[in-house]
Amino acid sequence: FLAGSCISAIAAVGSIFELTSGHPELGGLITGGILTATIP
């Protein structure tokens, strides 16, 4: 559980950096979806 929490936190932080860069590699919708799913 703790390892999964760490991985999802890393994914959330990465998504934030991607969205704030202005040009997310996977697109804004998918990256926003990843962010929305990984925080909870």
PDB file of all heavy atoms in Angstrom:
ATOM      1  N   PHE A   1       0.831  -1.211   0.000  1.00  0.00           N
ATOM      2  CA  PHE A   1       0.000   0.000   0.000  1.00  0.00           C
ATOM      3  C   PHE A   1       0.863   1.257   0.000  1.00  0.00           C
ATOM      4  O   PHE A   1       0.586   2.220  -0.724  1.00  0.00           O
ATOM      5  CB  PHE A   1      -0.927   0.024   1.217  1.00  0.00           C
ATOM      6  CG  PHE A   1      -2.104  -0.900   1.135  1.00  0.00           C
ATOM      7  CD1 PHE A   1      -2.672  -1.411   2.292  1.00  0.00           C
ATOM      8  CD2 PHE A   1      -2.667  -1.251  -0.070  1.00  0.00           C
ATOM      9  CE1 PHE A   1      -3.775  -2.246   2.245  1.00  0.00           C
ATOM     10  CE2 PHE A   1      -3.763  -2.092  -0.143  1.00  0.00           C
ATOM     11  CZ  PHE A   1      -4.315  -2.600   1.021  1.00  0.00           C
ATOM     12  N   LEU A   2       1.911   1.250   0.813  1.00  0.00           N
ATOM     13  CA  LEU A   2       2.789   2.418   0.904  1.00  0.00           C
ATOM     14  C   LEU A   2       3.553   2.644  -0.400  1.00  0.00           C
ATOM     15  O   LEU A   2       3.704   3.787  -0.845  1.00  0.00           O
ATOM     16  CB  LEU A   2       3.750   2.252   2.073  1.00  0.00           C
ATOM     17  CG  LEU A   2       4.540   3.476   2.486  1.00  0.00           C
ATOM     18  CD1 LEU A   2       3.609   4.628   2.850  1.00  0.00           C
ATOM     19  CD2 LEU A   2       5.450   3.149   3.657  1.00  0.00           C
ATOM     20  N   ALA A   3       4.000   1.580  -1.025  1.00  0.00           N
ATOM     21  CA  ALA A   3       4.686   1.708  -2.317  1.00  0.00           C
ATOM     22  C   ALA A   3       3.736   2.267  -3.379  1.00  0.00           C
ATOM     23  O   ALA A   3       4.119   3.133  -4.178  1.00  0.00           O
ATOM     24  CB  ALA A   3       5.229   0.350  -2.757  1.00  0.00           C
ATOM     25  N   GLY A   4       2.505   1.789  -3.383  1.00  0.00           N
ATOM     26  CA  GLY A   4       1.518   2.321  -4.329  1.00  0.00           C
ATOM     27  C   GLY A   4       1.233   3.783  -4.088  1.00  0.00           C
ATOM     28  O   GLY A   4       1.066   4.565  -5.031  1.00  0.00           O
ATOM     29  N   SER A   5       1.209   4.174  -2.821  1.00  0.00           N
ATOM     30  CA  SER A   5       1.001   5.578  -2.483  1.00  0.00           C
ATOM     31  C   SER A   5       2.149   6.439  -2.996  1.00  0.00           C
ATOM     32  O   SER A   5       1.925   7.529  -3.524  1.00  0.00           O
ATOM     33  CB  SER A   5       0.858   5.722  -0.967  1.00  0.00           C
ATOM     34  OG  SER A   5       0.787   7.071  -0.604  1.00  0.00           O
ATOM     35  N   CYS A   6       3.366   5.950  -2.840  1.00  0.00           N
ATOM     36  CA  CYS A   6       4.530   6.697  -3.331  1.00  0.00           C
ATOM     37  C   CYS A   6       4.510   6.834  -4.848  1.00  0.00           C
ATOM     38  O   CYS A   6       4.799   7.907  -5.391  1.00  0.00           O
ATOM     39  CB  CYS A   6       5.820   6.007  -2.890  1.00  0.00           C
ATOM     40  SG  CYS A   6       6.133   6.092  -1.130  1.00  0.00           S
ATOM     41  N   ILE A   7       4.167   5.762  -5.535  1.00  0.00           N
ATOM     42  CA  ILE A   7       4.115   5.804  -6.996  1.00  0.00           C
ATOM     43  C   ILE A   7       3.034   6.762  -7.475  1.00  0.00           C
ATOM     44  O   ILE A   7       3.247   7.540  -8.414  1.00  0.00           O
ATOM     45  CB  ILE A   7       3.906   4.384  -7.560  1.00  0.00           C
ATOM     46  CG1 ILE A   7       5.156   3.548  -7.312  1.00  0.00           C
ATOM     47  CG2 ILE A   7       3.565   4.421  -9.049  1.00  0.00           C
ATOM     48  CD1 ILE A   7       4.992   2.082  -7.583  1.00  0.00           C
ATOM     49  N   SER A   8       1.879   6.748  -6.826  1.00  0.00           N
ATOM     50  CA  SER A   8       0.819   7.668  -7.244  1.00  0.00           C
ATOM     51  C   SER A   8       1.181   9.113  -6.919  1.00  0.00           C
ATOM     52  O   SER A   8       0.827  10.020  -7.674  1.00  0.00           O
ATOM     53  CB  SER A   8      -0.517   7.273  -6.622  1.00  0.00           C
ATOM     54  OG  SER A   8      -0.482   7.416  -5.229  1.00  0.00           O
ATOM     55  N   ALA A   9       1.908   9.347  -5.836  1.00  0.00           N
ATOM     56  CA  ALA A   9       2.360  10.715  -5.528  1.00  0.00           C
ATOM     57  C   ALA A   9       3.355  11.201  -6.572  1.00  0.00           C
ATOM     58  O   ALA A   9       3.303  12.359  -7.001  1.00  0.00           O
ATOM     59  CB  ALA A   9       2.985  10.757  -4.137  1.00  0.00           C
ATOM     60  N   ILE A  10       4.249  10.336  -7.002  1.00  0.00           N
ATOM     61  CA  ILE A  10       5.208  10.697  -8.052  1.00  0.00           C
ATOM     62  C   ILE A  10       4.479  11.010  -9.349  1.00  0.00           C
ATOM     63  O   ILE A  10       4.812  11.985 -10.054  1.00  0.00           O
ATOM     64  CB  ILE A  10       6.245   9.576  -8.244  1.00  0.00           C
ATOM     65  CG1 ILE A  10       7.145   9.489  -7.014  1.00  0.00           C
ATOM     66  CG2 ILE A  10       7.069   9.792  -9.503  1.00  0.00           C
ATOM     67  CD1 ILE A  10       8.007   8.248  -6.959  1.00  0.00           C
ATOM     68  N   ALA A  11       3.465  10.215  -9.679  1.00  0.00           N
ATOM     69  CA  ALA A  11       2.682  10.461 -10.897  1.00  0.00           C
ATOM     70  C   ALA A  11       1.936  11.783 -10.806  1.00  0.00           C
ATOM     71  O   ALA A  11       1.844  12.529 -11.795  1.00  0.00           O
ATOM     72  CB  ALA A  11       1.704   9.320 -11.134  1.00  0.00           C
ATOM     73  N   ALA A  12       1.412  12.118  -9.628  1.00  0.00           N
ATOM     74  CA  ALA A  12       0.689  13.380  -9.453  1.00  0.00           C
ATOM     75  C   ALA A  12       1.631  14.569  -9.619  1.00  0.00           C
ATOM     76  O   ALA A  12       1.307  15.537 -10.320  1.00  0.00           O
ATOM     77  CB  ALA A  12       0.018  13.422  -8.081  1.00  0.00           C
ATOM     78  N   VAL A  13       2.799  14.495  -9.005  1.00  0.00           N
ATOM     79  CA  VAL A  13       3.767  15.598  -9.127  1.00  0.00           C
ATOM     80  C   VAL A  13       4.239  15.735 -10.564  1.00  0.00           C
ATOM     81  O   VAL A  13       4.358  16.851 -11.095  1.00  0.00           O
ATOM     82  CB  VAL A  13       4.950  15.379  -8.164  1.00  0.00           C
ATOM     83  CG1 VAL A  13       6.074  16.364  -8.433  1.00  0.00           C
ATOM     84  CG2 VAL A  13       4.493  15.492  -6.719  1.00  0.00           C
ATOM     85  N   GLY A  14       4.491  14.613 -11.218  1.00  0.00           N
ATOM     86  CA  GLY A  14       4.887  14.661 -12.628  1.00  0.00           C
ATOM     87  C   GLY A  14       3.804  15.268 -13.506  1.00  0.00           C
ATOM     88  O   GLY A  14       4.100  16.038 -14.424  1.00  0.00           O
ATOM     89  N   SER A  15       2.563  14.950 -13.211  1.00  0.00           N
ATOM     90  CA  SER A  15       1.453  15.520 -13.983  1.00  0.00           C
ATOM     91  C   SER A  15       1.356  17.028 -13.772  1.00  0.00           C
ATOM     92  O   SER A  15       1.076  17.773 -14.719  1.00  0.00           O
ATOM     93  CB  SER A  15       0.139  14.861 -13.579  1.00  0.00           C
ATOM     94  OG  SER A  15       0.150  13.505 -13.906  1.00  0.00           O
ATOM     95  N   ILE A  16       1.591  17.473 -12.546  1.00  0.00           N
ATOM     96  CA  ILE A  16       1.565  18.914 -12.279  1.00  0.00           C
ATOM     97  C   ILE A  16       2.654  19.619 -13.074  1.00  0.00           C
ATOM     98  O   ILE A  16       2.408  20.662 -13.698  1.00  0.00           O
ATOM     99  CB  ILE A  16       1.709  19.183 -10.768  1.00  0.00           C
ATOM    100  CG1 ILE A  16       0.457  18.731 -10.033  1.00  0.00           C
ATOM    101  CG2 ILE A  16       1.981  20.666 -10.498  1.00  0.00           C
ATOM    102  CD1 ILE A  16       0.580  18.728  -8.517  1.00  0.00           C
ATOM    103  N   PHE A  17       3.857  19.054 -13.089  1.00  0.00           N
ATOM    104  CA  PHE A  17       4.940  19.657 -13.864  1.00  0.00           C
ATOM    105  C   PHE A  17       4.634  19.660 -15.357  1.00  0.00           C
ATOM    106  O   PHE A  17       4.928  20.627 -16.061  1.00  0.00           O
ATOM    107  CB  PHE A  17       6.266  18.944 -13.600  1.00  0.00           C
ATOM    108  CG  PHE A  17       6.933  19.370 -12.323  1.00  0.00           C
ATOM    109  CD1 PHE A  17       7.198  18.448 -11.330  1.00  0.00           C
ATOM    110  CD2 PHE A  17       7.300  20.681 -12.111  1.00  0.00           C
ATOM    111  CE1 PHE A  17       7.807  18.824 -10.149  1.00  0.00           C
ATOM    112  CE2 PHE A  17       7.911  21.080 -10.937  1.00  0.00           C
ATOM    113  CZ  PHE A  17       8.165  20.146  -9.958  1.00  0.00           C
ATOM    114  N   GLU A  18       4.056  18.573 -15.842  1.00  0.00           N
ATOM    115  CA  GLU A  18       3.695  18.512 -17.258  1.00  0.00           C
ATOM    116  C   GLU A  18       2.650  19.574 -17.612  1.00  0.00           C
ATOM    117  O   GLU A  18       2.758  20.233 -18.639  1.00  0.00           O
ATOM    118  CB  GLU A  18       3.150  17.123 -17.602  1.00  0.00           C
ATOM    119  CG  GLU A  18       4.204  16.066 -17.753  1.00  0.00           C
ATOM    120  CD  GLU A  18       4.992  16.203 -19.041  1.00  0.00           C
ATOM    121  OE1 GLU A  18       4.394  16.444 -20.100  1.00  0.00           O
ATOM    122  OE2 GLU A  18       6.219  16.079 -18.966  1.00  0.00           O
ATOM    123  N   LEU A  19       1.644  19.719 -16.759  1.00  0.00           N
ATOM    124  CA  LEU A  19       0.587  20.697 -17.053  1.00  0.00           C
ATOM    125  C   LEU A  19       1.098  22.132 -16.962  1.00  0.00           C
ATOM    126  O   LEU A  19       0.680  22.982 -17.744  1.00  0.00           O
ATOM    127  CB  LEU A  19      -0.596  20.490 -16.105  1.00  0.00           C
ATOM    128  CG  LEU A  19      -1.421  19.232 -16.365  1.00  0.00           C
ATOM    129  CD1 LEU A  19      -2.410  18.998 -15.237  1.00  0.00           C
ATOM    130  CD2 LEU A  19      -2.140  19.331 -17.698  1.00  0.00           C
ATOM    131  N   THR A  20       1.988  22.395 -16.023  1.00  0.00           N
ATOM    132  CA  THR A  20       2.497  23.770 -15.886  1.00  0.00           C
ATOM    133  C   THR A  20       3.545  24.108 -16.941  1.00  0.00           C
ATOM    134  O   THR A  20       3.838  25.281 -17.149  1.00  0.00           O
ATOM    135  CB  THR A  20       3.092  24.012 -14.491  1.00  0.00           C
ATOM    136  OG1 THR A  20       4.130  23.069 -14.240  1.00  0.00           O
ATOM    137  CG2 THR A  20       2.020  23.905 -13.431  1.00  0.00           C
ATOM    138  N   SER A  21       4.101  23.094 -17.623  1.00  0.00           N
ATOM    139  CA  SER A  21       5.083  23.375 -18.668  1.00  0.00           C
ATOM    140  C   SER A  21       4.431  23.998 -19.892  1.00  0.00           C
ATOM    141  O   SER A  21       5.105  24.648 -20.689  1.00  0.00           O
ATOM    142  CB  SER A  21       5.815  22.098 -19.073  1.00  0.00           C
ATOM    143  OG  SER A  21       4.978  21.263 -19.855  1.00  0.00           O
ATOM    144  N   GLY A  22       3.131  23.777 -20.041  1.00  0.00           N
ATOM    145  CA  GLY A  22       2.421  24.358 -21.177  1.00  0.00           C
ATOM    146  C   GLY A  22       2.234  23.401 -22.336  1.00  0.00           C
ATOM    147  O   GLY A  22       1.364  23.604 -23.173  1.00  0.00           O
ATOM    148  N   HIS A  23       3.059  22.363 -22.415  1.00  0.00           N
ATOM    149  CA  HIS A  23       2.966  21.404 -23.519  1.00  0.00           C
ATOM    150  C   HIS A  23       3.092  19.976 -22.991  1.00  0.00           C
ATOM    151  O   HIS A  23       4.128  19.329 -23.163  1.00  0.00           O
ATOM    152  CB  HIS A  23       4.068  21.665 -24.561  1.00  0.00           C
ATOM    153  CG  HIS A  23       4.021  23.035 -25.143  1.00  0.00           C
ATOM    154  ND1 HIS A  23       3.043  23.432 -26.019  1.00  0.00           N
ATOM    155  CD2 HIS A  23       4.815  24.113 -24.962  1.00  0.00           C
ATOM    156  CE1 HIS A  23       3.246  24.690 -26.353  1.00  0.00           C
ATOM    157  NE2 HIS A  23       4.321  25.128 -25.721  1.00  0.00           N
ATOM    158  N   PRO A  24       2.043  19.445 -22.354  1.00  0.00           N
ATOM    159  CA  PRO A  24       2.124  18.076 -21.838  1.00  0.00           C
ATOM    160  C   PRO A  24       2.278  17.070 -22.975  1.00  0.00           C
ATOM    161  O   PRO A  24       1.628  17.185 -24.008  1.00  0.00           O
ATOM    162  CB  PRO A  24       0.817  17.862 -21.097  1.00  0.00           C
ATOM    163  CG  PRO A  24       0.022  19.092 -21.240  1.00  0.00           C
ATOM    164  CD  PRO A  24       0.772  20.072 -22.053  1.00  0.00           C
ATOM    165  N   GLU A  25       3.137  16.086 -22.772  1.00  0.00           N
ATOM    166  CA  GLU A  25       3.415  15.094 -23.817  1.00  0.00           C
ATOM    167  C   GLU A  25       2.192  14.246 -24.160  1.00  0.00           C
ATOM    168  O   GLU A  25       2.004  13.868 -25.311  1.00  0.00           O
ATOM    169  CB  GLU A  25       4.559  14.184 -23.385  1.00  0.00           C
ATOM    170  CG  GLU A  25       5.900  14.862 -23.407  1.00  0.00           C
ATOM    171  CD  GLU A  25       7.029  13.903 -23.104  1.00  0.00           C
ATOM    172  OE1 GLU A  25       6.871  12.688 -23.341  1.00  0.00           O
ATOM    173  OE2 GLU A  25       8.060  14.378 -22.634  1.00  0.00           O
ATOM    174  N   LEU A  26       1.375  13.931 -23.172  1.00  0.00           N
ATOM    175  CA  LEU A  26       0.196  13.099 -23.427  1.00  0.00           C
ATOM    176  C   LEU A  26      -1.055  13.924 -23.711  1.00  0.00           C
ATOM    177  O   LEU A  26      -2.131  13.374 -23.890  1.00  0.00           O
ATOM    178  CB  LEU A  26      -0.071  12.188 -22.221  1.00  0.00           C
ATOM    179  CG  LEU A  26       1.028  11.199 -21.867  1.00  0.00           C
ATOM    180  CD1 LEU A  26       0.685  10.448 -20.589  1.00  0.00           C
ATOM    181  CD2 LEU A  26       1.272  10.227 -23.007  1.00  0.00           C
ATOM    182  N   GLY A  27      -0.917  15.224 -23.709  1.00  0.00           N
ATOM    183  CA  GLY A  27      -2.068  16.095 -23.904  1.00  0.00           C
ATOM    184  C   GLY A  27      -2.644  16.524 -22.565  1.00  0.00           C
ATOM    185  O   GLY A  27      -2.472  15.847 -21.546  1.00  0.00           O
ATOM    186  N   GLY A  28      -3.309  17.654 -22.573  1.00  0.00           N
ATOM    187  CA  GLY A  28      -3.842  18.207 -21.335  1.00  0.00           C
ATOM    188  C   GLY A  28      -4.936  17.374 -20.711  1.00  0.00           C
ATOM    189  O   GLY A  28      -5.013  17.234 -19.492  1.00  0.00           O
ATOM    190  N   LEU A  29      -5.778  16.768 -21.519  1.00  0.00           N
ATOM    191  CA  LEU A  29      -6.898  15.991 -20.998  1.00  0.00           C
ATOM    192  C   LEU A  29      -6.418  14.715 -20.298  1.00  0.00           C
ATOM    193  O   LEU A  29      -6.848  14.413 -19.182  1.00  0.00           O
ATOM    194  CB  LEU A  29      -7.872  15.643 -22.124  1.00  0.00           C
ATOM    195  CG  LEU A  29      -9.164  14.962 -21.705  1.00  0.00           C
ATOM    196  CD1 LEU A  29      -9.983  15.877 -20.802  1.00  0.00           C
ATOM    197  CD2 LEU A  29      -9.964  14.576 -22.927  1.00  0.00           C
ATOM    198  N   ILE A  30      -5.526  13.987 -20.933  1.00  0.00           N
ATOM    199  CA  ILE A  30      -5.035  12.740 -20.340  1.00  0.00           C
ATOM    200  C   ILE A  30      -4.196  13.037 -19.102  1.00  0.00           C
ATOM    201  O   ILE A  30      -4.340  12.376 -18.073  1.00  0.00           O
ATOM    202  CB  ILE A  30      -4.234  11.922 -21.371  1.00  0.00           C
ATOM    203  CG1 ILE A  30      -5.162  11.455 -22.478  1.00  0.00           C
ATOM    204  CG2 ILE A  30      -3.530  10.746 -20.711  1.00  0.00           C
ATOM    205  CD1 ILE A  30      -4.481  10.751 -23.618  1.00  0.00           C
ATOM    206  N   THR A  31      -3.324  14.036 -19.186  1.00  0.00           N
ATOM    207  CA  THR A  31      -2.491  14.387 -18.037  1.00  0.00           C
ATOM    208  C   THR A  31      -3.348  14.886 -16.879  1.00  0.00           C
ATOM    209  O   THR A  31      -3.093  14.549 -15.723  1.00  0.00           O
ATOM    210  CB  THR A  31      -1.453  15.455 -18.434  1.00  0.00           C
ATOM    211  OG1 THR A  31      -0.715  14.983 -19.575  1.00  0.00           O
ATOM    212  CG2 THR A  31      -0.492  15.731 -17.303  1.00  0.00           C
ATOM    213  N   GLY A  32      -4.375  15.657 -17.172  1.00  0.00           N
ATOM    214  CA  GLY A  32      -5.299  16.089 -16.128  1.00  0.00           C
ATOM    215  C   GLY A  32      -6.052  14.926 -15.521  1.00  0.00           C
ATOM    216  O   GLY A  32      -6.319  14.893 -14.313  1.00  0.00           O
ATOM    217  N   GLY A  33      -6.402  13.951 -16.333  1.00  0.00           N
ATOM    218  CA  GLY A  33      -7.059  12.747 -15.834  1.00  0.00           C
ATOM    219  C   GLY A  33      -6.154  11.941 -14.922  1.00  0.00           C
ATOM    220  O   GLY A  33      -6.595  11.422 -13.890  1.00  0.00           O
ATOM    221  N   ILE A  34      -4.892  11.837 -15.294  1.00  0.00           N
ATOM    222  CA  ILE A  34      -3.929  11.145 -14.436  1.00  0.00           C
ATOM    223  C   ILE A  34      -3.805  11.867 -13.103  1.00  0.00           C
ATOM    224  O   ILE A  34      -3.808  11.245 -12.042  1.00  0.00           O
ATOM    225  CB  ILE A  34      -2.560  11.037 -15.139  1.00  0.00           C
ATOM    226  CG1 ILE A  34      -2.656  10.110 -16.345  1.00  0.00           C
ATOM    227  CG2 ILE A  34      -1.476  10.562 -14.166  1.00  0.00           C
ATOM    228  CD1 ILE A  34      -1.438  10.121 -17.251  1.00  0.00           C
ATOM    229  N   LEU A  35      -3.719  13.176 -13.139  1.00  0.00           N
ATOM    230  CA  LEU A  35      -3.618  13.969 -11.913  1.00  0.00           C
ATOM    231  C   LEU A  35      -4.860  13.792 -11.054  1.00  0.00           C
ATOM    232  O   LEU A  35      -4.769  13.577  -9.840  1.00  0.00           O
ATOM    233  CB  LEU A  35      -3.420  15.448 -12.254  1.00  0.00           C
ATOM    234  CG  LEU A  35      -3.361  16.411 -11.077  1.00  0.00           C
ATOM    235  CD1 LEU A  35      -2.179  16.099 -10.172  1.00  0.00           C
ATOM    236  CD2 LEU A  35      -3.277  17.840 -11.585  1.00  0.00           C
ATOM    237  N   THR A  36      -6.015  13.849 -11.679  1.00  0.00           N
ATOM    238  CA  THR A  36      -7.274  13.711 -10.954  1.00  0.00           C
ATOM    239  C   THR A  36      -7.419  12.324 -10.318  1.00  0.00           C
ATOM    240  O   THR A  36      -7.990  12.193  -9.237  1.00  0.00           O
ATOM    241  CB  THR A  36      -8.454  13.963 -11.913  1.00  0.00           C
ATOM    242  OG1 THR A  36      -8.302  15.254 -12.501  1.00  0.00           O
ATOM    243  CG2 THR A  36      -9.782  13.890 -11.192  1.00  0.00           C
ATOM    244  N   ALA A  37      -6.904  11.306 -10.961  1.00  0.00           N
ATOM    245  CA  ALA A  37      -7.016   9.947 -10.431  1.00  0.00           C
ATOM    246  C   ALA A  37      -5.974   9.647  -9.357  1.00  0.00           C
ATOM    247  O   ALA A  37      -6.259   8.935  -8.391  1.00  0.00           O
ATOM    248  CB  ALA A  37      -6.892   8.938 -11.561  1.00  0.00           C
ATOM    249  N   THR A  38      -4.760  10.177  -9.510  1.00  0.00           N
ATOM    250  CA  THR A  38      -3.683   9.778  -8.610  1.00  0.00           C
ATOM    251  C   THR A  38      -3.728  10.468  -7.250  1.00  0.00           C
ATOM    252  O   THR A  38      -3.240   9.895  -6.271  1.00  0.00           O
ATOM    253  CB  THR A  38      -2.306  10.016  -9.250  1.00  0.00           C
ATOM    254  OG1 THR A  38      -2.191  11.380  -9.656  1.00  0.00           O
ATOM    255  CG2 THR A  38      -2.093   9.093 -10.429  1.00  0.00           C
ATOM    256  N   ILE A  39      -4.293  11.652  -7.163  1.00  0.00           N
ATOM    257  CA  ILE A  39      -4.341  12.321  -5.854  1.00  0.00           C
ATOM    258  C   ILE A  39      -5.220  11.549  -4.874  1.00  0.00           C
ATOM    259  O   ILE A  39      -4.753  11.182  -3.787  1.00  0.00           O
ATOM    260  CB  ILE A  39      -4.770  13.793  -6.005  1.00  0.00           C
ATOM    261  CG1 ILE A  39      -3.653  14.588  -6.673  1.00  0.00           C
ATOM    262  CG2 ILE A  39      -5.115  14.400  -4.652  1.00  0.00           C
ATOM    263  CD1 ILE A  39      -3.994  16.016  -6.982  1.00  0.00           C
ATOM    264  N   PRO A  40      -6.479  11.248  -5.194  1.00  0.00           N
ATOM    265  CA  PRO A  40      -7.272  10.474  -4.220  1.00  0.00           C
ATOM    266  C   PRO A  40      -6.743   9.049  -4.027  1.00  0.00           C
ATOM    267  O   PRO A  40      -6.810   8.495  -2.930  1.00  0.00           O
ATOM    268  CB  PRO A  40      -8.686  10.459  -4.786  1.00  0.00           C
ATOM    269  CG  PRO A  40      -8.616  11.046  -6.128  1.00  0.00           C
ATOM    270  CD  PRO A  40      -7.287  11.662  -6.328  1.00  0.00           C
TER     271      PRO A  40
END
